[in-house]
C-alpha atoms as a PDB file:
ATOM      1  CA  MET A   1    -149.973 157.059  19.273  1.00  0.00           C
ATOM      2  CA  ASN A   2    -148.129 155.207  16.443  1.00  0.00           C
ATOM      3  CA  GLU A   3    -149.524 152.019  14.790  1.00  0.00           C
ATOM      4  CA  ALA A   4    -147.123 149.654  16.611  1.00  0.00           C
ATOM      5  CA  SER A   5    -148.249 150.945  20.099  1.00  0.00           C
ATOM      6  CA  LYS A   6    -152.014 150.600  19.394  1.00  0.00           C
ATOM      7  CA  PRO A   7    -153.762 147.799  21.307  1.00  0.00           C
ATOM      8  CA  GLY A   8    -154.107 144.612  19.256  1.00  0.00           C
ATOM      9  CA  VAL A   9    -151.421 145.616  16.728  1.00  0.00           C
ATOM     10  CA  GLU A  10    -148.489 143.282  16.510  1.00  0.00           C
ATOM     11  CA  PRO A  11    -145.041 145.065  16.198  1.00  0.00           C
ATOM     12  CA  ALA A  12    -143.215 144.136  12.916  1.00  0.00           C
ATOM     13  CA  PRO A  13    -140.392 141.638  13.426  1.00  0.00           C
ATOM     14  CA  ALA A  14    -136.887 143.165  13.454  1.00  0.00           C
ATOM     15  CA  ALA A  15    -135.183 142.918  10.158  1.00  0.00           C
ATOM     16  CA  VAL A  16    -132.451 140.257   9.869  1.00  0.00           C
ATOM     17  CA  ASN A  17    -129.293 140.836   7.900  1.00  0.00           C
ATOM     18  CA  VAL A  18    -129.467 138.404   4.962  1.00  0.00           C
ATOM     19  CA  HIS A  19    -125.971 137.148   5.878  1.00  0.00           C
ATOM     20  CA  PHE A  20    -126.985 135.995   9.226  1.00  0.00           C
ATOM     21  CA  ASP A  21    -130.547 134.906   8.394  1.00  0.00           C
ATOM     22  CA  THR A  22    -130.855 131.186   8.917  1.00  0.00           C
ATOM     23  CA  ARG A  23    -134.613 131.123   9.403  1.00  0.00           C
ATOM     24  CA  LEU A  24    -136.407 128.359   7.601  1.00  0.00           C
ATOM     25  CA  PRO A  25    -138.537 129.629   4.750  1.00  0.00           C
ATOM     26  CA  GLN A  26    -142.299 129.491   4.956  1.00  0.00           C
ATOM     27  CA  LEU A  27    -143.372 126.219   3.149  1.00  0.00           C
ATOM     28  CA  SER A  28    -146.915 124.911   2.315  1.00  0.00           C
ATOM     29  CA  ARG A  29    -148.117 121.866   4.219  1.00  0.00           C
ATOM     30  CA  TRP A  30    -147.616 119.786   1.136  1.00  0.00           C
ATOM     31  CA  ARG A  31    -143.942 120.847   0.830  1.00  0.00           C
ATOM     32  CA  ARG A  32    -143.353 120.128   4.441  1.00  0.00           C
ATOM     33  CA  MET A  33    -144.878 116.585   4.020  1.00  0.00           C
ATOM     34  CA  GLN A  34    -142.540 116.021   1.117  1.00  0.00           C
ATOM     35  CA  ILE A  35    -139.332 116.670   3.091  1.00  0.00           C
ATOM     36  CA  PRO A  36    -139.214 113.311   4.961  1.00  0.00           C
ATOM     37  CA  LEU A  37    -140.425 111.324   1.975  1.00  0.00           C
ATOM     38  CA  ILE A  38    -137.785 112.684  -0.356  1.00  0.00           C
ATOM     39  CA  ALA A  39    -135.111 112.317   2.252  1.00  0.00           C
ATOM     40  CA  GLY A  40    -136.101 108.705   2.922  1.00  0.00           C
ATOM     41  CA  ALA A  41    -136.033 107.807  -0.749  1.00  0.00           C
ATOM     42  CA  VAL A  42    -132.683 109.540  -1.395  1.00  0.00           C
ATOM     43  CA  TYR A  43    -131.135 107.938   1.669  1.00  0.00           C
ATOM     44  CA  SER A  44    -132.336 104.470   0.568  1.00  0.00           C
ATOM     45  CA  ILE A  45    -130.789 105.111  -2.970  1.00  0.00           C
ATOM     46  CA  VAL A  46    -127.426 106.269  -1.471  1.00  0.00           C
ATOM     47  CA  ARG A  47    -127.397 103.187   0.889  1.00  0.00           C
ATOM     48  CA  ALA A  48    -128.182 100.834  -1.953  1.00  0.00           C
ATOM     49  CA  ILE A  49    -125.588 102.193  -4.579  1.00  0.00           C
ATOM     50  CA  GLY A  50    -122.872 103.430  -2.256  1.00  0.00           C
ATOM     51  CA  PRO A  51    -121.434 100.055  -1.172  1.00  0.00           C
ATOM     52  CA  THR A  52    -121.109  98.861  -4.698  1.00  0.00           C
ATOM     53  CA  ILE A  53    -118.896 101.732  -5.823  1.00  0.00           C
ATOM     54  CA  ARG A  54    -115.263 100.747  -6.301  1.00  0.00           C
ATOM     55  CA  PHE A  55    -113.077 103.817  -5.288  1.00  0.00           C
ATOM     56  CA  GLU A  56    -109.497 104.525  -6.116  1.00  0.00           C
ATOM     57  CA  LEU A  57    -107.951 107.517  -4.267  1.00  0.00           C
ATOM     58  CA  VAL A  58    -105.179 109.419  -6.075  1.00  0.00           C
ATOM     59  CA  GLY A  59    -103.280 112.084  -4.310  1.00  0.00           C
ATOM     60  CA  GLU A  60    -104.374 110.905  -0.847  1.00  0.00           C
ATOM     61  CA  ARG A  61    -100.825 111.808   0.424  1.00  0.00           C
ATOM     62  CA  PHE A  62    -101.897 115.351   0.411  1.00  0.00           C
ATOM     63  CA  TYR A  63    -104.298 114.660   3.235  1.00  0.00           C
ATOM     64  CA  GLU A  64    -102.329 112.270   5.326  1.00  0.00           C
ATOM     65  CA  PRO A  65     -99.596 114.533   6.642  1.00  0.00           C
ATOM     66  CA  ALA A  66    -102.259 117.050   7.755  1.00  0.00           C
ATOM     67  CA  LYS A  67    -104.088 114.292   9.590  1.00  0.00           C
ATOM     68  CA  LEU A  68    -100.850 113.280  11.395  1.00  0.00           C
ATOM     69  CA  ARG A  69    -100.317 116.839  12.441  1.00  0.00           C
ATOM     70  CA  GLY A  70    -103.813 117.076  13.992  1.00  0.00           C
ATOM     71  CA  GLU A  71    -105.029 119.543  11.409  1.00  0.00           C
ATOM     72  CA  LYS A  72    -108.751 119.720  10.624  1.00  0.00           C
ATOM     73  CA  VAL A  73    -109.011 120.226   6.889  1.00  0.00           C
ATOM     74  CA  ILE A  74    -111.558 122.538   5.240  1.00  0.00           C
ATOM     75  CA  VAL A  75    -112.801 120.278   2.350  1.00  0.00           C
ATOM     76  CA  ALA A  76    -114.169 121.935  -0.875  1.00  0.00           C
ATOM     77  CA  PHE A  77    -115.567 120.011  -3.964  1.00  0.00           C
ATOM     78  CA  TRP A  78    -117.849 120.730  -6.857  1.00  0.00           C
ATOM     79  CA  HIS A  79    -121.552 120.018  -6.353  1.00  0.00           C
ATOM     80  CA  ARG A  80    -121.780 117.657  -9.290  1.00  0.00           C
ATOM     81  CA  CYS A  81    -120.126 114.817  -7.382  1.00  0.00           C
ATOM     82  CA  ILE A  82    -121.865 115.250  -4.061  1.00  0.00           C
ATOM     83  CA  PHE A  83    -123.548 111.810  -4.200  1.00  0.00           C
ATOM     84  CA  SER A  84    -120.269 109.956  -4.431  1.00  0.00           C
ATOM     85  CA  ALA A  85    -118.561 112.309  -1.879  1.00  0.00           C
ATOM     86  CA  ILE A  86    -121.062 111.975   0.833  1.00  0.00           C
ATOM     87  CA  TRP A  87    -120.780 108.187   0.586  1.00  0.00           C
ATOM     88  CA  LEU A  88    -116.932 108.102   0.481  1.00  0.00           C
ATOM     89  CA  PHE A  89    -116.455 110.375   3.546  1.00  0.00           C
ATOM     90  CA  ARG A  90    -119.463 109.147   5.509  1.00  0.00           C
ATOM     91  CA  GLY A  91    -119.318 108.594   9.130  1.00  0.00           C
ATOM     92  CA  ARG A  92    -116.376 110.939   9.956  1.00  0.00           C
ATOM     93  CA  GLY A  93    -118.325 113.635  11.783  1.00  0.00           C
ATOM     94  CA  ALA A  94    -117.464 116.373   9.381  1.00  0.00           C
ATOM     95  CA  VAL A  95    -119.729 119.514   9.372  1.00  0.00           C
ATOM     96  CA  VAL A  96    -121.145 120.528   5.978  1.00  0.00           C
ATOM     97  CA  MET A  97    -122.578 123.866   4.995  1.00  0.00           C
ATOM     98  CA  ASN A  98    -126.201 123.326   4.212  1.00  0.00           C
ATOM     99  CA  THR A  99    -128.694 125.765   2.792  1.00  0.00           C
ATOM    100  CA  THR A 100    -132.071 126.276   4.571  1.00  0.00           C
ATOM    101  CA  ASN A 101    -134.223 126.151   1.434  1.00  0.00           C
ATOM    102  CA  PHE A 102    -136.579 123.272   0.594  1.00  0.00           C
ATOM    103  CA  ASP A 103    -133.883 121.135  -0.962  1.00  0.00           C
ATOM    104  CA  GLY A 104    -131.468 121.930   1.831  1.00  0.00           C
ATOM    105  CA  GLN A 105    -134.052 120.631   4.427  1.00  0.00           C
ATOM    106  CA  TRP A 106    -134.333 117.147   2.856  1.00  0.00           C
ATOM    107  CA  THR A 107    -130.612 117.116   2.095  1.00  0.00           C
ATOM    108  CA  ARG A 108    -129.914 117.756   5.675  1.00  0.00           C
ATOM    109  CA  ARG A 109    -131.711 114.689   6.818  1.00  0.00           C
ATOM    110  CA  VAL A 110    -129.954 112.543   4.402  1.00  0.00           C
ATOM    111  CA  ILE A 111    -126.437 113.715   5.243  1.00  0.00           C
ATOM    112  CA  GLU A 112    -126.983 113.750   9.000  1.00  0.00           C
ATOM    113  CA  ARG A 113    -127.960 110.014   8.654  1.00  0.00           C
ATOM    114  CA  LEU A 114    -124.701 109.505   6.988  1.00  0.00           C
ATOM    115  CA  GLY A 115    -122.745 110.731  10.010  1.00  0.00           C
ATOM    116  CA  TYR A 116    -122.262 114.413   9.073  1.00  0.00           C
ATOM    117  CA  GLY A 117    -123.025 117.560  11.014  1.00  0.00           C
ATOM    118  CA  THR A 118    -124.573 120.589   9.335  1.00  0.00           C
ATOM    119  CA  ALA A 119    -124.081 124.376   9.598  1.00  0.00           C
ATOM    120  CA  GLN A 120    -127.004 126.286   8.268  1.00  0.00           C
ATOM    121  CA  GLY A 121    -126.300 128.830   5.645  1.00  0.00           C
ATOM    122  CA  SER A 122    -125.299 129.473   1.937  1.00  0.00           C
ATOM    123  CA  SER A 123    -123.643 132.120  -0.224  1.00  0.00           C
ATOM    124  CA  THR A 124    -127.025 133.800  -0.729  1.00  0.00           C
ATOM    125  CA  ARG A 125    -128.519 133.632   2.862  1.00  0.00           C
ATOM    126  CA  GLY A 126    -127.117 132.922   6.332  1.00  0.00           C
ATOM    127  CA  GLY A 127    -123.640 132.535   4.971  1.00  0.00           C
ATOM    128  CA  LEU A 128    -121.826 134.469   7.774  1.00  0.00           C
ATOM    129  CA  SER A 129    -123.802 132.532  10.451  1.00  0.00           C
ATOM    130  CA  GLY A 130    -122.828 129.365   8.554  1.00  0.00           C
ATOM    131  CA  LEU A 131    -119.180 130.302   8.582  1.00  0.00           C
ATOM    132  CA  MET A 132    -119.264 131.064  12.262  1.00  0.00           C
ATOM    133  CA  ALA A 133    -120.893 127.655  13.021  1.00  0.00           C
ATOM    134  CA  MET A 134    -118.135 125.893  10.990  1.00  0.00           C
ATOM    135  CA  ALA A 135    -115.490 127.759  12.730  1.00  0.00           C
ATOM    136  CA  ARG A 136    -116.875 126.528  16.028  1.00  0.00           C
ATOM    137  CA  ALA A 137    -116.812 123.010  14.628  1.00  0.00           C
ATOM    138  CA  ILE A 138    -113.167 123.313  13.828  1.00  0.00           C
ATOM    139  CA  GLU A 139    -112.449 124.480  17.283  1.00  0.00           C
ATOM    140  CA  GLU A 140    -114.374 121.437  18.586  1.00  0.00           C
ATOM    141  CA  GLY A 141    -112.148 119.117  16.543  1.00  0.00           C
ATOM    142  CA  HIS A 142    -114.284 118.585  13.390  1.00  0.00           C
ATOM    143  CA  GLU A 143    -113.442 118.718   9.836  1.00  0.00           C
ATOM    144  CA  VAL A 144    -115.797 120.902   7.670  1.00  0.00           C
ATOM    145  CA  ALA A 145    -116.875 120.744   4.003  1.00  0.00           C
ATOM    146  CA  PHE A 146    -118.359 123.003   1.252  1.00  0.00           C
ATOM    147  CA  THR A 147    -119.951 122.071  -2.022  1.00  0.00           C
ATOM    148  CA  ILE A 148    -118.060 125.039  -3.272  1.00  0.00           C
ATOM    149  CA  ASP A 149    -120.280 126.016  -6.269  1.00  0.00           C
ATOM    150  CA  GLY A 150    -123.459 125.402  -4.433  1.00  0.00           C
ATOM    151  CA  PRO A 151    -126.285 125.787  -3.721  1.00  0.00           C
ATOM    152  CA  ARG A 152    -127.326 127.059  -7.112  1.00  0.00           C
ATOM    153  CA  GLY A 153    -124.165 127.904  -9.070  1.00  0.00           C
ATOM    154  CA  PRO A 154    -122.768 129.156 -11.333  1.00  0.00           C
ATOM    155  CA  ARG A 155    -121.386 125.659 -12.057  1.00  0.00           C
ATOM    156  CA  TYR A 156    -117.673 125.370 -11.539  1.00  0.00           C
ATOM    157  CA  ILE A 157    -117.140 128.881  -9.950  1.00  0.00           C
ATOM    158  CA  ALA A 158    -115.599 128.509  -6.502  1.00  0.00           C
ATOM    159  CA  LYS A 159    -117.056 130.754  -3.747  1.00  0.00           C
ATOM    160  CA  PRO A 160    -114.666 132.338  -1.135  1.00  0.00           C
ATOM    161  CA  GLY A 161    -116.015 130.505   1.996  1.00  0.00           C
ATOM    162  CA  PRO A 162    -113.084 128.094   2.301  1.00  0.00           C
ATOM    163  CA  ILE A 163    -110.412 130.717   1.946  1.00  0.00           C
ATOM    164  CA  MET A 164    -112.144 133.013   4.557  1.00  0.00           C
ATOM    165  CA  LEU A 165    -112.544 130.095   6.986  1.00  0.00           C
ATOM    166  CA  ALA A 166    -108.837 129.015   6.459  1.00  0.00           C
ATOM    167  CA  ARG A 167    -107.629 132.463   7.162  1.00  0.00           C
ATOM    168  CA  GLN A 168    -109.650 132.672  10.286  1.00  0.00           C
ATOM    169  CA  SER A 169    -108.895 129.233  11.655  1.00  0.00           C
ATOM    170  CA  GLY A 170    -105.344 128.569  10.410  1.00  0.00           C
ATOM    171  CA  GLN A 171    -106.368 125.250   8.930  1.00  0.00           C
ATOM    172  CA  PRO A 172    -105.689 124.027   5.417  1.00  0.00           C
ATOM    173  CA  VAL A 173    -108.073 123.666   2.455  1.00  0.00           C
ATOM    174  CA  PHE A 174    -108.418 120.225   0.955  1.00  0.00           C
ATOM    175  CA  LEU A 175    -109.604 119.870  -2.560  1.00  0.00           C
ATOM    176  CA  PHE A 176    -110.856 116.973  -4.593  1.00  0.00           C
ATOM    177  CA  HIS A 177    -113.133 115.685  -7.380  1.00  0.00           C
ATOM    178  CA  ILE A 178    -114.696 112.333  -8.096  1.00  0.00           C
ATOM    179  CA  GLY A 179    -114.974 110.929 -11.504  1.00  0.00           C
ATOM    180  CA  LEU A 180    -117.209 108.001 -12.352  1.00  0.00           C
ATOM    181  CA  GLU A 181    -116.816 105.448 -15.119  1.00  0.00           C
ATOM    182  CA  ASN A 182    -120.580 104.816 -15.337  1.00  0.00           C
ATOM    183  CA  ALA A 183    -123.122 107.310 -14.102  1.00  0.00           C
ATOM    184  CA  TRP A 184    -126.494 108.906 -14.806  1.00  0.00           C
ATOM    185  CA  THR A 185    -125.977 112.589 -15.463  1.00  0.00           C
ATOM    186  CA  LEU A 186    -128.968 114.847 -14.802  1.00  0.00           C
ATOM    187  CA  ASP A 187    -128.502 117.064 -17.786  1.00  0.00           C
ATOM    188  CA  LYS A 188    -131.325 119.468 -16.917  1.00  0.00           C
ATOM    189  CA  THR A 189    -129.853 120.434 -13.479  1.00  0.00           C
ATOM    190  CA  TRP A 190    -127.678 123.435 -13.077  1.00  0.00           C
ATOM    191  CA  ASP A 191    -124.589 121.280 -11.803  1.00  0.00           C
ATOM    192  CA  GLN A 192    -124.958 118.394 -14.204  1.00  0.00           C
ATOM    193  CA  PHE A 193    -125.442 116.297 -11.115  1.00  0.00           C
ATOM    194  CA  GLN A 194    -124.199 112.656 -11.313  1.00  0.00           C
ATOM    195  CA  VAL A 195    -125.662 109.554  -9.833  1.00  0.00           C
ATOM    196  CA  PRO A 196    -123.148 106.690  -9.991  1.00  0.00           C
ATOM    197  CA  LYS A 197    -124.510 103.407 -11.497  1.00  0.00           C
ATOM    198  CA  PRO A 198    -124.278 100.299  -9.369  1.00  0.00           C
ATOM    199  CA  PHE A 199    -120.750  98.668  -9.334  1.00  0.00           C
ATOM    200  CA  THR A 200    -119.148 101.549 -11.177  1.00  0.00           C
ATOM    201  CA  ARG A 201    -115.505 102.410 -10.714  1.00  0.00           C
ATOM    202  CA  ALA A 202    -114.757 105.833  -9.370  1.00  0.00           C
ATOM    203  CA  VAL A 203    -111.567 107.838  -8.814  1.00  0.00           C
ATOM    204  CA  ALA A 204    -111.215 110.529  -6.233  1.00  0.00           C
ATOM    205  CA  VAL A 205    -108.429 112.892  -7.252  1.00  0.00           C
ATOM    206  CA  ALA A 206    -106.981 115.333  -4.535  1.00  0.00           C
ATOM    207  CA  ALA A 207    -104.974 118.530  -4.846  1.00  0.00           C
ATOM    208  CA  PRO A 208    -102.162 119.811  -2.638  1.00  0.00           C
ATOM    209  CA  LEU A 209    -103.371 121.623   0.445  1.00  0.00           C
ATOM    210  CA  ILE A 210    -103.866 125.330   0.573  1.00  0.00           C
ATOM    211  CA  TYR A 211    -102.736 127.337   3.593  1.00  0.00           C
ATOM    212  CA  ILE A 212    -103.695 130.872   4.229  1.00  0.00           C
ATOM    213  CA  PRO A 213    -101.904 132.929   6.857  1.00  0.00           C
ATOM    214  CA  ARG A 214    -104.012 134.542   9.574  1.00  0.00           C
ATOM    215  CA  ASP A 215    -102.432 137.850   8.567  1.00  0.00           C
ATOM    216  CA  ALA A 216    -103.076 137.440   4.770  1.00  0.00           C
ATOM    217  CA  ASP A 217    -103.992 140.788   3.152  1.00  0.00           C
ATOM    218  CA  SER A 218    -106.522 141.227   0.416  1.00  0.00           C
ATOM    219  CA  GLU A 219    -104.019 140.640  -2.383  1.00  0.00           C
ATOM    220  CA  LEU A 220    -102.905 137.271  -0.928  1.00  0.00           C
ATOM    221  CA  ILE A 221    -106.447 136.251  -0.328  1.00  0.00           C
ATOM    222  CA  HIS A 222    -107.316 136.907  -4.009  1.00  0.00           C
ATOM    223  CA  ARG A 223    -104.326 134.872  -5.033  1.00  0.00           C
ATOM    224  CA  LYS A 224    -105.366 131.998  -2.818  1.00  0.00           C
ATOM    225  CA  GLN A 225    -108.931 132.093  -4.185  1.00  0.00           C
ATOM    226  CA  ALA A 226    -107.465 131.984  -7.645  1.00  0.00           C
ATOM    227  CA  GLU A 227    -105.219 129.028  -6.645  1.00  0.00           C
ATOM    228  CA  MET A 228    -108.323 127.221  -5.156  1.00  0.00           C
ATOM    229  CA  GLN A 229    -110.242 127.702  -8.385  1.00  0.00           C
ATOM    230  CA  ALA A 230    -107.360 126.458 -10.618  1.00  0.00           C
ATOM    231  CA  SER A 231    -106.795 123.440  -8.408  1.00  0.00           C
ATOM    232  CA  LEU A 232    -110.398 122.464  -8.426  1.00  0.00           C
ATOM    233  CA  GLU A 233    -110.519 122.795 -12.213  1.00  0.00           C
ATOM    234  CA  ARG A 234    -107.302 120.671 -12.529  1.00  0.00           C
ATOM    235  CA  VAL A 235    -108.616 117.674 -10.262  1.00  0.00           C
ATOM    236  CA  ARG A 236    -111.915 117.881 -12.051  1.00  0.00           C
ATOM    237  CA  ASP A 237    -110.342 117.597 -15.461  1.00  0.00           C
ATOM    238  CA  ILE A 238    -108.140 114.683 -14.311  1.00  0.00           C
ATOM    239  CA  ALA A 239    -111.064 112.762 -12.604  1.00  0.00           C
ATOM    240  CA  GLU A 240    -113.592 113.374 -15.372  1.00  0.00           C
ATOM    241  CA  SER A 241    -111.216 112.151 -18.016  1.00  0.00           C
ATOM    242  CA  TRP A 242    -109.734 109.123 -15.997  1.00  0.00           C
ATOM    243  CA  PHE A 243    -111.665 106.337 -17.456  1.00  0.00           C
ATOM    244  CA  HIS A 244    -111.335 107.735 -21.129  1.00  0.00           C
ATOM    245  CA  ILE A 245    -107.417 107.769 -21.065  1.00  0.00           C
ATOM    246  CA  SER A 246    -105.053 104.940 -21.539  1.00  0.00           C
ATOM    247  CA  PRO A 247    -103.832 102.752 -18.619  1.00  0.00           C
ATOM    248  CA  ALA A 248    -100.345 104.155 -19.282  1.00  0.00           C
ATOM    249  CA  GLU A 249    -101.634 107.702 -18.820  1.00  0.00           C
ATOM    250  CA  ARG A 250    -103.308 106.833 -15.695  1.00  0.00           C
ATOM    251  CA  ASP A 251    -100.124 105.357 -14.416  1.00  0.00           C
ATOM    252  CA  ARG A 252     -98.312 108.466 -15.224  1.00  0.00           C
ATOM    253  CA  LEU A 253    -100.872 110.605 -13.463  1.00  0.00           C
ATOM    254  CA  ARG A 254    -100.783 108.275 -10.310  1.00  0.00           C
ATOM    255  CA  GLU A 255     -97.092 108.687 -10.224  1.00  0.00           C
ATOM    256  CA  GLU A 256     -97.234 112.440 -10.668  1.00  0.00           C
ATOM    257  CA  LEU A 257     -99.888 112.975  -8.043  1.00  0.00           C
ATOM    258  CA  ASN A 258     -98.168 110.682  -5.574  1.00  0.00           C
ATOM    259  CA  SER A 259     -94.746 112.339  -6.097  1.00  0.00           C
ATOM    260  CA  GLU A 260     -93.182 114.946  -3.792  1.00  0.00           C
ATOM    261  CA  ARG A 261     -92.650 116.932  -6.880  1.00  0.00           C
ATOM    262  CA  THR A 262     -96.250 117.433  -7.660  1.00  0.00           C
ATOM    263  CA  ALA A 263     -97.181 121.002  -8.357  1.00  0.00           C
ATOM    264  CA  PHE A 264    -100.500 122.164  -9.893  1.00  0.00           C
END
């Protein structure tokens, strides 16, 4: 008789492939108690600061045609600007990839209260399950979103999730970055996370949509991944420098980004 078949011996749980593992981690009672407290505090801060932010959208024309065609865009942006992004796009029912770790559990409560759905998974655990959930969300008529260098970096290195999902779904990837005139930057965090100061000006800079054919081969997928990385870097550089350049230069960039000739 083997050990598992002996009376009183519980069989070991079946192994779960890490790419499909969306089980919540085992947390201490104290950590579990912290989740609703942190979520409530963060939600209150977002609700207090969010309405005071004065947004300008540059390159919005890249999104509008997709919307008119009934396409459900796959949104990707750097983790650094998540505070401003979740406020700007609140209440639209977009589904966001969300990690199952401690930070992900309180974050989930915040973003769901702001009108988002969540798909559990990350680049390190449960990623394929998360992508499958996001594919179902697109089929059900929702847009989806990734903090593309999350959940733990490296900072400004885009992961392939949006490209994989775009190939599977036939929907385009929509990229943007938000720059803030006045913000608190958390210098000790991996992403240099920014919290906007009340009444700050903000600019959301968008890039041209990226389409990936369903029959794309590995070479084309790698090219599209590189294109996504370059576009994200481009909108980041524009948005982060926006309030440090001259009004004339901002006017030039507005014209460029709102022109049919725009090419990153």
